[in-house]
Amino acid sequence: MKSIATETKVGIFVILGIVILALFTIQVGKITVREVGYRVYTYVESAAGLDRNSPVRIAGVQVGRVQSIVLEGTKAKVAIHFPPEVKIPVESKLYVKSVGLLGEKYIEVVPGPGPELVKANGTIEEGGPSVDVDRVLTQLSSIGGDIKIVTQSLSRSLGGEKGERTIEELVTGAKETVTNLQNITQTIDRGEGTLGKLVKDETLYKEAKETMANLSQVAKSIERGEGTLGKLAKDEVLYERTKEMMEAAKGTFANLNQIVQKIESGEGTLGKLVNDDSLYTKTKETMEEAKETLANLNKVSKQIESGEGTLGKLVKDETLYDETKRAIKSVNKAAEGIQETTPVTVLGVVLGTVLR
């Protein structure tokens, strides 16, 4: 049997090394000779930290990887490859996250409600912007500056003898407050004061207990329909009557509302009285005339009261009153004489007519 030549051995060794190197390259670089599955796309505000072959996870389990990242418009278009057994429901959201503050970036997919699934070459929306480490550090730096300003202010306020006195006053005030609270607690524990009596007075407790028992009995009586309030609560007839009254009142209010609307629109006599401006003007003029008439009557009454004019003299002149009284008496006497002589005169006239 011929021995294998040295050159042949070297060639076989080199070929085996190339095969092993290729296998390691495929495994480490996650390169598949033939991709099986489907591709979906997403648009993210920032793809900083994401690379080709970055993991895509669901519930922390890797289910896919990033295939490519390109800029489209103002957003990063990310292509994601999923194996055929991984199904992504419609309305799912994804987030760009990192392992730790400075760790590698990955994509976390939060499944939607479904039941429809994202198809090949479909899209998944970004649920929220990714955490920008530089922005976080900038904010932390700003917060640190604010804290530094506050500590400097506290140092200026509390530093030196003035600050020591302020702290001492605060401590003294706190001690006094604690002492007062202890005194109040001891006073209550001894049953002194209003609050102490409320806490320690057994009689008050018994009265409160009896009151609650009485209230419970009243509630039970009402529940059984006893007494006036119980009948009001349990009487179905009263309930129906009250309901009827409420319905009637509702109808009455509806009618009143219609009347008010008619008045507001100027319908009917009352509506015209309310909305007619000319009637208001005439009424105002009439009131002015009545006011003027009353003023004149007041003036005349004052004149009569002061004895001015004919009527005033008739009212105020006592002599004229006496003369009028005497004249009335004379008239009465004359009337009586006429009544007595009238029959004789009539008889004379009759006889004279007959004798002729």
Protein backbone atom coordinates (compact mmCIF):
# COMPACT_ATOMS: atom_id res chain seq x y z
CA MET A 1 0.00 0.00 0.00
CA LYS A 2 1.37 3.25 -1.08
CA SER A 3 1.73 5.93 1.56
CA ILE A 4 0.01 9.26 1.08
CA ALA A 5 2.32 11.91 -0.10
CA THR A 6 3.14 14.84 2.10
CA GLU A 7 1.65 17.29 -0.41
CA THR A 8 -1.62 15.36 -0.36
CA LYS A 9 -1.73 15.44 3.41
CA VAL A 10 -1.11 19.19 3.41
CA GLY A 11 -3.86 19.69 0.83
CA ILE A 12 -6.37 17.65 2.82
CA PHE A 13 -5.47 19.55 5.97
CA VAL A 14 -5.90 22.92 4.22
CA ILE A 15 -9.30 21.88 2.80
CA LEU A 16 -10.46 20.68 6.22
CA GLY A 17 -9.29 23.96 7.75
CA ILE A 18 -11.20 25.99 5.15
CA VAL A 19 -14.38 23.98 5.79
CA ILE A 20 -14.06 24.38 9.57
CA LEU A 21 -13.36 28.12 9.17
CA ALA A 22 -16.44 28.48 6.98
CA LEU A 23 -18.59 26.68 9.54
CA PHE A 24 -17.29 28.89 12.34
CA THR A 25 -17.90 31.99 10.21
CA ILE A 26 -21.48 30.97 9.51
CA GLN A 27 -22.14 30.20 13.19
CA VAL A 28 -20.47 33.28 14.67
CA GLY A 29 -21.74 35.72 12.04
CA LYS A 30 -25.19 34.17 12.07
CA ILE A 31 -25.07 33.84 8.32
CA THR A 32 -27.40 31.34 6.80
CA VAL A 33 -26.71 29.90 3.43
CA ARG A 34 -30.39 29.89 2.59
CA GLU A 35 -32.82 32.21 4.39
CA VAL A 36 -36.10 30.58 5.25
CA GLY A 37 -38.92 32.75 6.61
CA TYR A 38 -40.32 36.19 5.81
CA ARG A 39 -39.35 39.85 6.09
CA VAL A 40 -41.21 42.77 7.68
CA TYR A 41 -40.29 46.46 7.94
CA THR A 42 -40.50 49.17 10.56
CA TYR A 43 -39.68 52.87 10.76
CA VAL A 44 -37.97 54.14 13.91
CA GLU A 45 -37.04 57.63 15.10
CA SER A 46 -33.48 56.56 15.91
CA ALA A 47 -31.60 53.39 15.01
CA ALA A 48 -28.52 54.40 17.01
CA GLY A 49 -26.85 51.27 18.40
CA LEU A 50 -28.72 48.90 16.09
CA ASP A 51 -26.59 46.88 13.68
CA ARG A 52 -27.13 44.26 11.05
CA ASN A 53 -27.96 40.95 12.80
CA SER A 54 -29.09 42.76 15.99
CA PRO A 55 -31.52 40.45 17.82
CA VAL A 56 -35.30 40.83 17.70
CA ARG A 57 -37.11 39.47 20.75
CA ILE A 58 -40.61 38.70 21.98
CA ALA A 59 -41.04 38.37 25.75
CA GLY A 60 -37.23 38.36 26.03
CA VAL A 61 -36.82 35.41 23.63
CA GLN A 62 -34.95 35.97 20.38
CA VAL A 63 -37.22 35.24 17.43
CA GLY A 64 -35.58 37.15 14.57
CA ARG A 65 -32.80 39.48 13.54
CA VAL A 66 -32.21 42.80 11.81
CA GLN A 67 -31.34 42.35 8.12
CA SER A 68 -30.69 45.93 7.02
CA ILE A 69 -30.97 49.55 8.13
CA VAL A 70 -31.37 52.40 5.63
CA LEU A 71 -32.47 56.02 5.89
CA GLU A 72 -35.82 56.80 4.31
CA GLY A 73 -36.94 60.40 4.68
CA THR A 74 -36.29 61.46 8.28
CA LYS A 75 -36.63 57.97 9.78
CA ALA A 76 -34.60 54.80 9.76
CA LYS A 77 -36.16 51.94 7.77
CA VAL A 78 -35.31 48.64 9.44
CA ALA A 79 -35.82 45.29 7.72
CA ILE A 80 -36.45 42.38 10.13
CA HIS A 81 -36.31 38.68 9.27
CA PHE A 82 -38.53 36.20 11.10
CA PRO A 83 -38.52 32.40 10.70
CA PRO A 84 -41.72 30.88 9.31
CA GLU A 85 -42.90 29.49 12.67
CA VAL A 86 -42.94 32.98 14.29
CA LYS A 87 -46.29 34.73 13.76
CA ILE A 88 -46.67 38.43 14.54
CA PRO A 89 -50.26 39.65 15.23
CA VAL A 90 -51.52 42.84 13.58
CA GLU A 91 -51.33 46.03 15.70
CA SER A 92 -48.16 44.80 17.39
CA LYS A 93 -45.69 47.45 18.55
CA LEU A 94 -41.91 47.37 18.71
CA TYR A 95 -39.41 49.27 20.83
CA VAL A 96 -35.68 49.79 20.45
CA LYS A 97 -34.14 48.82 23.79
CA SER A 98 -30.71 48.23 25.22
CA VAL A 99 -29.19 45.66 27.59
CA GLY A 100 -28.29 48.02 30.41
CA LEU A 101 -27.53 51.70 29.98
CA LEU A 102 -24.55 51.19 27.67
CA GLY A 103 -25.27 47.63 26.46
CA GLU A 104 -26.06 46.40 22.94
CA LYS A 105 -29.32 47.47 21.32
CA TYR A 106 -32.07 45.08 20.34
CA ILE A 107 -35.71 45.26 19.20
CA GLU A 108 -38.48 44.14 21.52
CA VAL A 109 -41.82 43.28 19.86
CA VAL A 110 -45.01 43.56 21.94
CA PRO A 111 -47.68 41.39 20.25
CA GLY A 112 -51.01 42.95 19.39
CA PRO A 113 -54.50 41.53 20.06
CA GLY A 114 -54.81 39.78 16.66
CA PRO A 115 -56.25 37.51 15.36
CA GLU A 116 -54.95 38.75 12.00
CA LEU A 117 -51.22 38.32 11.37
CA VAL A 118 -48.62 40.56 9.77
CA LYS A 119 -47.94 39.37 6.26
CA ALA A 120 -44.60 39.18 4.45
CA ASN A 121 -43.22 42.63 3.55
CA GLY A 122 -45.73 44.18 5.97
CA THR A 123 -44.94 46.83 8.58
CA ILE A 124 -44.87 47.02 12.35
CA GLU A 125 -45.25 50.43 14.02
CA GLU A 126 -42.84 51.76 16.61
CA GLY A 127 -44.46 51.98 20.02
CA GLY A 128 -42.25 54.78 21.32
CA PRO A 129 -38.89 56.45 20.80
CA SER A 130 -35.79 54.64 21.98
CA VAL A 131 -33.75 55.83 24.93
CA ASP A 132 -30.93 58.07 23.72
CA VAL A 133 -27.95 57.61 26.03
CA ASP A 134 -26.46 60.97 25.11
CA ARG A 135 -29.78 62.69 25.83
CA VAL A 136 -30.05 60.90 29.18
CA LEU A 137 -26.51 61.90 30.11
CA THR A 138 -27.26 65.50 29.11
CA GLN A 139 -30.35 65.52 31.30
CA LEU A 140 -28.41 63.95 34.16
CA SER A 141 -25.77 66.64 33.76
CA SER A 142 -28.47 69.33 33.87
CA ILE A 143 -29.99 67.75 36.98
CA GLY A 144 -26.54 67.58 38.56
CA GLY A 145 -26.09 71.31 37.91
CA ASP A 146 -29.46 72.05 39.54
CA ILE A 147 -28.52 69.91 42.56
CA LYS A 148 -25.22 71.76 42.80
CA ILE A 149 -27.04 75.11 42.82
CA VAL A 150 -29.40 73.88 45.55
CA THR A 151 -26.57 72.57 47.71
CA GLN A 152 -24.70 75.84 47.29
CA SER A 153 -27.80 77.76 48.37
CA LEU A 154 -28.19 75.47 51.39
CA SER A 155 -24.53 75.90 52.19
CA ARG A 156 -24.86 79.68 52.10
CA SER A 157 -28.09 79.58 54.15
CA LEU A 158 -26.98 77.08 56.77
CA GLY A 159 -23.26 77.75 56.84
CA GLY A 160 -21.57 79.83 59.54
CA GLU A 161 -22.96 80.97 62.87
CA LYS A 162 -26.29 82.12 61.39
CA GLY A 163 -26.89 78.69 59.86
CA GLU A 164 -25.99 76.98 63.13
CA ARG A 165 -28.47 79.19 64.98
CA THR A 166 -31.16 78.40 62.41
CA ILE A 167 -30.57 74.66 62.77
CA GLU A 168 -30.53 74.97 66.55
CA GLU A 169 -33.87 76.87 66.48
CA LEU A 170 -35.39 74.21 64.23
CA VAL A 171 -34.21 71.44 66.56
CA THR A 172 -35.47 73.32 69.62
CA GLY A 173 -38.86 73.92 67.97
CA ALA A 174 -39.11 70.27 67.04
CA LYS A 175 -38.28 69.22 70.60
CA GLU A 176 -40.92 71.61 71.98
CA THR A 177 -43.48 70.25 69.53
CA VAL A 178 -42.73 66.68 70.56
CA THR A 179 -42.98 67.67 74.24
CA ASN A 180 -46.36 69.35 73.66
CA LEU A 181 -47.63 66.30 71.79
CA GLN A 182 -46.51 64.09 74.69
CA ASN A 183 -48.31 66.37 77.17
CA ILE A 184 -51.49 66.26 75.06
CA THR A 185 -51.27 62.48 74.85
CA GLN A 186 -50.84 62.19 78.61
CA THR A 187 -53.77 64.58 79.19
CA ILE A 188 -56.00 62.48 76.95
CA ASP A 189 -54.81 59.31 78.65
CA ARG A 190 -55.78 60.77 82.05
CA GLY A 191 -59.24 61.62 80.69
CA GLU A 192 -58.76 65.38 81.01
CA GLY A 193 -60.20 67.92 78.58
CA THR A 194 -62.89 67.42 75.96
CA LEU A 195 -60.95 64.87 73.92
CA GLY A 196 -59.85 63.03 77.07
CA LYS A 197 -63.45 62.77 78.26
CA LEU A 198 -64.53 61.51 74.86
CA VAL A 199 -61.87 58.82 75.04
CA LYS A 200 -62.25 57.86 78.71
CA ASP A 201 -65.90 58.54 79.55
CA GLU A 202 -67.71 55.19 79.72
CA THR A 203 -71.07 56.96 80.07
CA LEU A 204 -70.61 58.71 76.75
CA TYR A 205 -69.70 55.39 75.18
CA LYS A 206 -72.84 53.76 76.61
CA GLU A 207 -75.03 56.66 75.47
CA ALA A 208 -73.55 56.44 71.98
CA LYS A 209 -74.15 52.70 72.00
CA GLU A 210 -77.77 53.18 73.13
CA THR A 211 -78.27 55.84 70.48
CA MET A 212 -77.00 53.49 67.79
CA ALA A 213 -79.30 50.77 69.14
CA ASN A 214 -82.29 53.16 69.03
CA LEU A 215 -81.41 54.19 65.52
CA SER A 216 -81.22 50.53 64.55
CA GLN A 217 -84.70 49.96 66.04
CA VAL A 218 -86.07 53.00 64.18
CA ALA A 219 -84.59 51.68 60.94
CA LYS A 220 -86.16 48.28 61.56
CA SER A 221 -89.54 49.90 62.33
CA ILE A 222 -89.37 51.85 59.10
CA GLU A 223 -88.42 48.66 57.28
CA ARG A 224 -91.48 46.92 58.73
CA GLY A 225 -93.70 49.86 57.68
CA GLU A 226 -94.52 50.93 61.25
CA GLY A 227 -95.18 54.53 62.24
CA THR A 228 -95.67 57.55 60.01
CA LEU A 229 -92.26 57.36 58.39
CA GLY A 230 -92.59 53.61 57.92
CA LYS A 231 -95.95 54.04 56.18
CA LEU A 232 -94.48 56.73 53.96
CA ALA A 233 -91.67 54.35 53.03
CA LYS A 234 -93.80 51.22 52.54
CA ASP A 235 -97.22 52.46 51.42
CA GLU A 236 -97.50 51.63 47.71
CA VAL A 237 -100.74 53.63 47.39
CA LEU A 238 -98.99 56.72 48.75
CA TYR A 239 -96.16 56.07 46.35
CA GLU A 240 -98.58 55.87 43.40
CA ARG A 241 -100.35 59.05 44.51
CA THR A 242 -97.04 60.84 44.87
CA LYS A 243 -96.07 59.59 41.44
CA GLU A 244 -99.37 60.85 39.99
CA MET A 245 -98.85 64.21 41.69
CA MET A 246 -95.35 64.43 40.25
CA GLU A 247 -96.70 63.61 36.78
CA ALA A 248 -99.41 66.24 37.20
CA ALA A 249 -96.86 68.77 38.41
CA LYS A 250 -94.69 67.87 35.43
CA GLY A 251 -97.61 68.56 33.08
CA THR A 252 -98.38 71.82 34.90
CA PHE A 253 -94.78 72.97 34.55
CA ALA A 254 -94.88 72.04 30.86
CA ASN A 255 -98.04 74.17 30.41
CA LEU A 256 -96.45 77.04 32.33
CA ASN A 257 -93.41 76.75 30.11
CA GLN A 258 -95.62 76.99 27.01
CA ILE A 259 -97.40 80.03 28.45
CA VAL A 260 -94.10 81.70 29.23
CA GLN A 261 -92.88 80.99 25.70
CA LYS A 262 -96.07 82.49 24.24
CA ILE A 263 -95.70 85.56 26.43
CA GLU A 264 -92.05 85.83 25.41
CA SER A 265 -93.04 85.63 21.73
CA GLY A 266 -95.73 88.32 22.22
CA GLU A 267 -98.77 86.05 21.74
CA GLY A 268 -102.08 86.71 23.52
CA THR A 269 -103.15 89.69 25.61
CA LEU A 270 -100.50 89.23 28.28
CA GLY A 271 -97.82 88.72 25.62
CA LYS A 272 -98.81 91.97 23.93
CA LEU A 273 -98.84 93.76 27.28
CA VAL A 274 -95.33 92.49 28.02
CA ASN A 275 -93.77 93.01 24.58
CA ASP A 276 -95.69 96.02 23.14
CA ASP A 277 -93.36 99.02 23.46
CA SER A 278 -96.08 101.44 22.31
CA LEU A 279 -98.35 100.26 25.15
CA TYR A 280 -95.48 100.83 27.54
CA THR A 281 -95.05 104.35 26.15
CA LYS A 282 -98.79 105.08 26.44
CA THR A 283 -98.88 103.72 29.95
CA LYS A 284 -95.89 105.87 30.82
CA GLU A 285 -97.62 108.96 29.37
CA THR A 286 -100.82 108.10 31.26
CA MET A 287 -98.84 107.74 34.47
CA GLU A 288 -97.22 111.12 33.85
CA GLU A 289 -100.65 112.69 33.28
CA ALA A 290 -102.04 111.00 36.39
CA LYS A 291 -99.04 112.24 38.31
CA GLU A 292 -99.65 115.77 37.05
CA THR A 293 -103.40 115.52 37.88
CA LEU A 294 -102.60 114.36 41.40
CA ALA A 295 -100.21 117.26 41.77
CA ASN A 296 -102.96 119.69 40.68
CA LEU A 297 -105.47 118.08 43.04
CA ASN A 298 -102.95 118.38 45.82
CA LYS A 299 -102.47 122.04 44.97
CA VAL A 300 -106.26 122.66 44.92
CA SER A 301 -106.71 120.84 48.22
CA LYS A 302 -104.01 123.02 49.76
CA GLN A 303 -105.76 126.13 48.45
CA ILE A 304 -109.10 124.92 49.87
CA GLU A 305 -107.39 124.11 53.14
CA SER A 306 -105.94 127.63 53.28
CA GLY A 307 -109.37 129.19 52.45
CA GLU A 308 -108.45 130.46 49.01
CA GLY A 309 -111.01 130.72 46.19
CA THR A 310 -114.78 130.21 46.29
CA LEU A 311 -114.64 126.65 47.46
CA GLY A 312 -112.01 127.52 50.04
CA LYS A 313 -114.20 130.29 51.40
CA LEU A 314 -117.19 127.96 51.45
CA VAL A 315 -115.18 125.51 53.47
CA LYS A 316 -113.46 127.96 55.84
CA ASP A 317 -116.02 130.84 56.26
CA GLU A 318 -118.00 130.15 59.47
CA THR A 319 -120.37 133.09 58.79
CA LEU A 320 -121.32 131.69 55.42
CA TYR A 321 -121.95 128.37 57.08
CA ASP A 322 -124.38 130.00 59.57
CA GLU A 323 -126.19 131.93 56.84
CA THR A 324 -126.52 128.79 54.75
CA LYS A 325 -127.93 126.99 57.76
CA ARG A 326 -130.53 129.76 58.33
CA ALA A 327 -131.42 129.78 54.62
CA ILE A 328 -131.98 126.04 54.67
CA LYS A 329 -134.30 126.48 57.68
CA SER A 330 -136.27 129.19 55.86
CA VAL A 331 -136.59 127.01 52.82
CA ASN A 332 -137.87 124.16 54.95
CA LYS A 333 -140.53 126.44 56.57
CA ALA A 334 -141.64 127.77 53.20
CA ALA A 335 -141.95 124.24 51.88
CA GLU A 336 -144.14 123.34 54.86
CA GLY A 337 -146.40 126.39 54.24
CA ILE A 338 -146.74 125.46 50.60
CA GLN A 339 -147.77 121.97 51.53
CA GLU A 340 -150.52 123.35 53.90
CA THR A 341 -151.96 125.90 51.44
CA THR A 342 -151.80 123.75 48.33
CA PRO A 343 -155.18 121.92 48.92
CA VAL A 344 -157.09 125.18 49.59
CA THR A 345 -155.65 126.75 46.50
CA VAL A 346 -156.49 123.78 44.36
CA LEU A 347 -160.09 123.76 45.73
CA GLY A 348 -160.51 127.45 44.92
CA VAL A 349 -159.34 126.94 41.40
CA VAL A 350 -161.78 124.06 40.91
CA LEU A 351 -164.77 126.04 42.27
CA GLY A 352 -163.91 129.01 40.14
CA THR A 353 -163.88 126.86 37.07
CA VAL A 354 -167.27 125.28 37.91
CA LEU A 355 -168.99 128.60 38.65
CA ARG A 356 -168.00 129.96 35.34
